[in-house]
N, C-alpha and C. Protein backbone atom coordinates (compact mmCIF):
# COMPACT_ATOMS: atom_id res chain seq x y z
N UNK A 1 -52.31 40.31 41.06
CA UNK A 1 -50.67 40.14 42.00
C UNK A 1 -50.37 41.21 42.56
N UNK A 2 -50.90 42.64 42.72
CA UNK A 2 -50.41 43.89 43.44
C UNK A 2 -51.89 43.59 44.56
N UNK A 3 -52.82 42.69 44.25
CA UNK A 3 -53.60 42.28 45.58
C UNK A 3 -53.01 41.79 46.64
N UNK A 4 -52.06 40.61 45.74
CA UNK A 4 -51.49 39.81 46.41
C UNK A 4 -50.37 40.07 47.77
N UNK A 5 -49.80 41.29 46.84
CA UNK A 5 -48.99 41.66 47.16
C UNK A 5 -49.23 42.85 48.88
N UNK A 6 -50.13 43.52 48.76
CA UNK A 6 -51.05 44.38 49.52
C UNK A 6 -51.57 43.71 50.67
N UNK A 7 -52.22 42.55 50.59
CA UNK A 7 -52.78 41.82 51.45
C UNK A 7 -51.31 41.07 52.26
N UNK A 8 -50.12 40.75 51.38
CA UNK A 8 -49.19 40.30 52.58
C UNK A 8 -48.31 41.31 53.35
N UNK A 9 -48.35 42.77 53.02
CA UNK A 9 -47.79 44.05 53.82
C UNK A 9 -48.53 44.43 54.65
N UNK A 10 -49.89 44.25 54.69
CA UNK A 10 -50.73 44.61 56.04
C UNK A 10 -51.05 42.93 57.11
N UNK A 11 -50.95 42.28 56.69
CA UNK A 11 -50.77 41.31 57.68
C UNK A 11 -50.10 40.79 57.91
N UNK A 12 -50.05 41.02 59.84
CA UNK A 12 -49.32 40.91 60.98
C UNK A 12 -48.91 39.23 61.55
N UNK A 13 -48.25 38.28 61.29
CA UNK A 13 -48.36 37.52 62.00
C UNK A 13 -48.23 37.31 63.13
N UNK A 14 -47.92 36.26 63.72
CA UNK A 14 -47.43 35.26 65.36
C UNK A 14 -46.14 35.61 65.50
N UNK A 15 -45.56 35.65 66.67
CA UNK A 15 -44.02 35.62 66.21
C UNK A 15 -43.28 34.57 66.33
N UNK A 16 -44.29 33.49 66.49
CA UNK A 16 -43.57 32.26 66.46
C UNK A 16 -43.82 31.11 65.28
N UNK A 17 -44.81 31.93 64.12
CA UNK A 17 -43.95 32.00 62.91
C UNK A 17 -42.92 32.11 62.11
N UNK A 18 -41.51 31.20 61.32
CA UNK A 18 -40.99 31.89 60.52
C UNK A 18 -40.94 31.29 59.23
N UNK A 19 -39.85 31.12 59.09
CA UNK A 19 -39.30 30.88 57.09
C UNK A 19 -39.08 29.39 57.37
N UNK A 20 -38.49 29.11 58.76
CA UNK A 20 -37.52 27.62 58.46
C UNK A 20 -38.90 26.60 59.20
N UNK A 21 -38.92 25.60 58.50
CA UNK A 21 -40.01 24.68 58.81
C UNK A 21 -39.46 22.94 59.69
N UNK A 22 -39.44 22.82 60.87
CA UNK A 22 -39.26 21.89 61.24
C UNK A 22 -40.23 20.14 60.76
N UNK A 23 -39.60 19.68 60.16
CA UNK A 23 -40.55 18.17 59.52
C UNK A 23 -40.22 16.85 60.07
N UNK A 24 -41.20 16.24 61.23
CA UNK A 24 -41.14 14.74 61.59
C UNK A 24 -42.02 14.29 61.10
N UNK A 25 -41.99 12.60 61.37
CA UNK A 25 -42.97 11.91 61.13
C UNK A 25 -42.62 11.27 59.62
N UNK A 26 -41.23 11.46 59.01
CA UNK A 26 -41.03 11.48 57.92
C UNK A 26 -40.76 10.47 57.38
N UNK A 27 -41.21 9.56 56.48
CA UNK A 27 -40.75 7.99 55.66
C UNK A 27 -39.00 7.65 55.94
N UNK A 28 -38.28 6.93 56.29
CA UNK A 28 -36.46 6.78 56.67
C UNK A 28 -36.21 7.31 54.68
N UNK A 29 -36.92 6.89 53.98
CA UNK A 29 -36.05 6.33 52.85
C UNK A 29 -36.40 7.71 51.56
N UNK A 30 -37.13 8.54 52.06
CA UNK A 30 -37.71 9.78 51.77
C UNK A 30 -36.14 10.70 51.10
N UNK A 31 -36.24 11.27 49.65
CA UNK A 31 -35.15 11.43 49.20
C UNK A 31 -35.05 13.29 49.25
N UNK A 32 -34.36 13.77 49.16
CA UNK A 32 -34.37 15.71 48.82
C UNK A 32 -35.24 15.92 48.00
N UNK A 33 -35.08 15.62 46.62
CA UNK A 33 -35.74 15.77 45.57
C UNK A 33 -37.32 15.28 45.69
N UNK A 34 -37.56 14.49 46.32
CA UNK A 34 -39.33 14.22 47.07
C UNK A 34 -39.72 15.13 47.91
N UNK A 35 -38.70 15.64 48.69
CA UNK A 35 -39.35 16.87 49.55
C UNK A 35 -39.19 17.83 48.58
N UNK A 36 -37.96 18.44 47.57
CA UNK A 36 -38.86 19.21 47.11
C UNK A 36 -39.93 19.36 46.06
N UNK A 37 -40.53 18.10 45.81
CA UNK A 37 -41.67 17.81 45.33
C UNK A 37 -42.88 18.34 46.07
N UNK A 38 -42.80 17.95 47.03
CA UNK A 38 -43.98 17.74 47.95
C UNK A 38 -43.83 19.42 48.92
N UNK A 39 -42.63 20.33 48.96
CA UNK A 39 -42.59 21.40 49.74
C UNK A 39 -42.79 22.43 48.30
N UNK A 40 -41.94 21.95 47.10
CA UNK A 40 -42.28 23.23 46.42
C UNK A 40 -43.42 23.85 45.69
N UNK A 41 -43.70 23.45 46.42
CA UNK A 41 -45.24 23.65 45.63
C UNK A 41 -46.23 24.88 46.43
N UNK A 42 -46.07 24.98 47.38
CA UNK A 42 -45.50 26.49 48.55
C UNK A 42 -45.18 27.71 48.01
N UNK A 43 -43.85 27.21 47.46
CA UNK A 43 -43.00 27.97 46.99
C UNK A 43 -41.94 27.38 47.02
N UNK A 44 -40.80 28.84 46.83
CA UNK A 44 -39.49 29.24 46.57
C UNK A 44 -38.78 28.80 47.97
N UNK A 45 -37.96 27.59 47.65
CA UNK A 45 -37.08 26.75 49.32
C UNK A 45 -35.94 27.02 48.75
N UNK A 46 -35.47 27.61 49.79
CA UNK A 46 -33.77 28.44 50.06
C UNK A 46 -33.15 26.80 50.17
N UNK A 47 -33.68 25.64 51.03
CA UNK A 47 -33.16 24.97 51.92
C UNK A 47 -33.37 23.90 52.54
N UNK A 48 -32.71 22.29 51.88
CA UNK A 48 -33.91 21.66 52.41
C UNK A 48 -32.94 20.66 53.35
N UNK A 49 -32.72 19.82 54.50
CA UNK A 49 -32.15 19.19 54.85
C UNK A 49 -33.04 18.31 56.04
N UNK A 50 -32.36 16.44 55.44
CA UNK A 50 -33.24 15.70 55.45
C UNK A 50 -32.24 15.43 56.79
N UNK A 51 -32.68 14.38 58.35
CA UNK A 51 -31.78 14.17 58.90
C UNK A 51 -31.56 12.60 58.32
N UNK A 52 -29.48 12.36 58.73
CA UNK A 52 -29.57 10.90 58.24
C UNK A 52 -28.78 10.34 58.85
N UNK A 53 -28.88 11.08 60.36
CA UNK A 53 -27.89 10.02 61.91
C UNK A 53 -29.50 9.38 62.12
N UNK A 54 -28.98 8.30 63.13
CA UNK A 54 -30.35 7.38 63.64
C UNK A 54 -31.12 8.48 64.52
N UNK A 55 -30.23 9.50 65.38
CA UNK A 55 -31.35 10.19 66.15
C UNK A 55 -32.48 11.45 65.74
N UNK A 56 -31.46 11.77 63.84
CA UNK A 56 -32.28 12.52 63.13
C UNK A 56 -33.22 12.29 62.26
N UNK A 57 -33.45 10.55 61.75
CA UNK A 57 -33.87 9.94 61.15
C UNK A 57 -34.99 10.03 61.05
N UNK A 58 -36.20 10.45 59.69
CA UNK A 58 -37.45 10.99 59.95
C UNK A 58 -37.55 12.24 60.03
N UNK A 59 -36.82 13.32 59.93
CA UNK A 59 -36.84 14.48 60.29
C UNK A 59 -36.27 14.98 59.29
N UNK A 60 -36.54 16.44 59.09
CA UNK A 60 -36.08 17.68 57.87
C UNK A 60 -36.58 18.66 58.64
N UNK A 61 -35.58 19.44 57.91
CA UNK A 61 -35.27 21.02 58.20
C UNK A 61 -36.09 21.78 56.58
N UNK A 62 -36.89 22.47 56.50
CA UNK A 62 -37.26 23.12 54.86
C UNK A 62 -36.93 24.76 55.45
N UNK A 63 -36.27 25.72 54.41
CA UNK A 63 -36.29 26.66 54.74
C UNK A 63 -36.68 27.25 53.42
N UNK A 64 -37.73 28.41 53.66
CA UNK A 64 -38.49 28.94 52.21
C UNK A 64 -37.53 30.49 52.32
N UNK A 65 -37.81 30.62 51.03
CA UNK A 65 -37.39 32.43 50.81
C UNK A 65 -38.39 33.23 51.35
N UNK A 66 -39.81 32.87 51.68
CA UNK A 66 -40.68 33.65 52.24
C UNK A 66 -41.20 33.26 53.16
N UNK A 67 -41.78 33.80 54.33
CA UNK A 67 -42.42 33.53 55.80
C UNK A 67 -43.67 33.10 55.05
N UNK A 68 -44.32 33.96 54.37
CA UNK A 68 -45.83 33.38 53.74
C UNK A 68 -45.97 32.31 52.80
N UNK A 69 -44.58 32.17 52.07
CA UNK A 69 -45.20 30.73 52.07
C UNK A 69 -44.95 29.22 52.77
N UNK A 70 -43.94 30.03 53.69
CA UNK A 70 -43.44 28.96 54.54
C UNK A 70 -45.10 28.56 55.55
N UNK A 71 -45.63 29.68 55.81
CA UNK A 71 -46.98 29.63 56.89
C UNK A 71 -48.11 28.90 55.61
N UNK A 72 -47.69 29.04 54.54
CA UNK A 72 -48.66 28.28 53.99
C UNK A 72 -48.90 26.92 53.93
N UNK A 73 -47.71 26.56 53.80
CA UNK A 73 -46.78 25.32 53.13
C UNK A 73 -47.17 24.38 54.66
N UNK A 74 -47.11 25.40 56.00
CA UNK A 74 -46.90 24.72 57.29
C UNK A 74 -48.67 24.29 57.28
N UNK A 75 -49.45 25.11 57.04
CA UNK A 75 -50.62 24.74 57.09
C UNK A 75 -51.57 23.49 56.32
N UNK A 76 -51.10 23.87 55.32
CA UNK A 76 -51.53 22.38 54.42
C UNK A 76 -51.10 21.15 54.40
N UNK A 77 -49.67 21.39 54.93
CA UNK A 77 -48.94 19.84 54.81
C UNK A 77 -48.71 19.41 56.45
N UNK A 78 -49.38 19.86 57.50
CA UNK A 78 -49.35 19.59 58.44
C UNK A 78 -50.58 18.51 58.45
N UNK A 79 -50.20 16.88 58.48
CA UNK A 79 -51.04 15.75 58.54
C UNK A 79 -51.27 15.56 57.10
N UNK A 80 -50.38 15.85 56.50
CA UNK A 80 -50.16 15.37 54.76
C UNK A 80 -49.76 13.52 54.67
N UNK A 81 -50.50 13.60 54.02
CA UNK A 81 -50.26 11.41 54.05
C UNK A 81 -48.80 11.10 52.75
N UNK A 82 -47.85 10.71 53.56
CA UNK A 82 -46.54 10.14 52.49
C UNK A 82 -46.22 8.98 52.94
N UNK A 83 -46.12 8.02 51.65
CA UNK A 83 -45.74 6.59 51.99
C UNK A 83 -46.86 6.13 53.64
N UNK A 84 -48.38 6.48 53.91
CA UNK A 84 -48.64 5.99 55.29
C UNK A 84 -48.55 6.49 55.96
N UNK A 85 -47.26 7.60 56.06
CA UNK A 85 -46.85 8.16 57.43
C UNK A 85 -47.70 9.79 57.18
N UNK A 86 -48.61 10.52 58.23
CA UNK A 86 -48.63 11.69 58.57
C UNK A 86 -47.99 12.48 58.75
N UNK A 87 -47.72 13.06 58.13
CA UNK A 87 -46.65 14.37 58.76
C UNK A 87 -46.74 15.06 59.87
N UNK A 88 -46.07 15.86 60.29
CA UNK A 88 -45.90 16.24 61.53
C UNK A 88 -44.87 17.78 60.74
N UNK A 89 -45.88 18.61 60.88
CA UNK A 89 -44.94 20.59 60.22
C UNK A 89 -44.93 21.01 61.10
N UNK A 90 -44.02 21.97 61.77
CA UNK A 90 -44.23 22.61 62.51
C UNK A 90 -42.95 23.72 62.57
N UNK A 91 -43.23 24.84 63.31
CA UNK A 91 -42.47 25.96 62.93
C UNK A 91 -40.77 25.70 64.08
N UNK A 92 -39.75 25.67 63.34
CA UNK A 92 -38.91 25.93 63.85
C UNK A 92 -38.14 26.80 65.03
N UNK A 93 -38.22 25.99 66.31
CA UNK A 93 -38.46 27.23 67.36
C UNK A 93 -36.69 27.01 68.06
N UNK A 94 -35.56 28.20 68.02
CA UNK A 94 -34.59 27.66 68.27
C UNK A 94 -34.02 27.36 69.74
N UNK A 95 -35.03 28.56 70.58
CA UNK A 95 -35.01 28.54 72.10
C UNK A 95 -35.38 27.09 72.70
N UNK A 96 -36.65 25.72 72.01
CA UNK A 96 -36.89 25.04 72.25
C UNK A 96 -35.78 23.69 71.80
N UNK A 97 -35.43 24.16 70.93
CA UNK A 97 -34.29 23.17 69.96
C UNK A 97 -33.36 22.67 71.03
N UNK A 98 -32.56 23.77 71.60
CA UNK A 98 -31.71 23.75 72.45
C UNK A 98 -31.93 23.69 73.61
N UNK A 99 -33.30 24.22 74.32
CA UNK A 99 -33.62 23.79 75.96
C UNK A 99 -32.87 22.31 76.04
N UNK A 100 -33.00 21.20 75.93
CA UNK A 100 -33.09 19.62 76.29
C UNK A 100 -31.49 19.66 76.11
N UNK A 101 -30.02 20.80 75.35
CA UNK A 101 -28.60 20.54 75.70
C UNK A 101 -28.60 21.38 76.76
N UNK A 102 -29.18 22.40 76.92
CA UNK A 102 -28.70 23.68 77.73
C UNK A 102 -28.91 22.55 79.57
N UNK A 103 -29.90 21.65 79.81
CA UNK A 103 -30.28 21.08 80.72
C UNK A 103 -29.24 20.25 80.89
N UNK A 104 -28.88 19.55 79.98
CA UNK A 104 -27.77 18.33 79.67
C UNK A 104 -26.49 19.09 80.87
N UNK A 105 -26.18 20.46 79.91
CA UNK A 105 -25.06 20.46 79.75
C UNK A 105 -24.54 20.61 81.69
N UNK A 106 -25.89 21.86 82.22
CA UNK A 106 -25.97 22.16 83.39
C UNK A 106 -26.03 21.14 84.59
N UNK A 107 -27.00 19.87 84.38
CA UNK A 107 -26.65 18.82 84.53
C UNK A 107 -25.04 18.00 84.97
N UNK A 108 -24.29 18.29 84.11
CA UNK A 108 -23.27 17.79 83.91
C UNK A 108 -22.18 19.18 84.90
N UNK A 109 -22.89 20.29 84.98
CA UNK A 109 -21.93 21.37 85.94
C UNK A 109 -22.35 20.99 87.21
N UNK A 110 -23.69 20.67 87.44
CA UNK A 110 -23.96 20.31 88.93
C UNK A 110 -23.51 18.67 89.54
N UNK A 111 -23.31 18.07 88.60
CA UNK A 111 -22.26 16.98 89.00
C UNK A 111 -21.34 17.33 88.83
N UNK A 112 -20.49 18.05 88.46
CA UNK A 112 -19.25 18.37 88.54
C UNK A 112 -18.91 18.98 90.43
N UNK A 113 -19.91 20.29 89.92
CA UNK A 113 -19.63 20.76 91.34
C UNK A 113 -19.90 20.02 92.63
N UNK A 114 -20.70 18.98 92.61
CA UNK A 114 -21.34 18.33 93.56
C UNK A 114 -19.76 16.92 94.01
N UNK A 115 -19.15 16.60 93.16
CA UNK A 115 -17.95 15.84 93.36
C UNK A 115 -17.11 16.57 93.47
N UNK A 116 -16.89 17.64 93.28
CA UNK A 116 -15.53 18.92 93.72
C UNK A 116 -15.59 18.87 95.29
N UNK A 117 -17.50 19.27 95.86
CA UNK A 117 -17.14 19.63 96.86
C UNK A 117 -17.76 18.02 97.98
N UNK A 118 -17.65 17.11 97.05
CA UNK A 118 -18.28 16.22 98.28
C UNK A 118 -19.51 15.99 98.79
N UNK A 119 -20.51 16.68 97.85
CA UNK A 119 -21.59 16.51 98.15
C UNK A 119 -22.53 15.23 97.59
N UNK A 120 -23.09 14.64 98.75
CA UNK A 120 -23.79 13.52 97.89
C UNK A 120 -25.54 13.93 98.28
N UNK A 121 -26.24 13.89 97.10
CA UNK A 121 -27.67 13.49 97.88
C UNK A 121 -28.45 12.53 96.55
């Protein structure tokens, strides 16, 4: 156990690695309990959010207590077969997740300005 703790303190992880995983290509009928069974093997889980709207079905967020557990799960479960579907497990990146909504807002602002000043292009 002491050797494992020493290994964790000396390792420097890349900046994109965090303890929140974004999971895609899930079966639509998967439950939270089944998610805990699959992802709980790699460490303590703080929270799992399974998508339930038409846009978010088949996706989930898994939050681990420890970043090393999240890295281990991502390494082992990416490509894992669940109900004949291969999971896509990625690290959650907030700047990429909100990029599309930011672009939509900027486009709306541009359209408002064009209509306000009568510019047609």
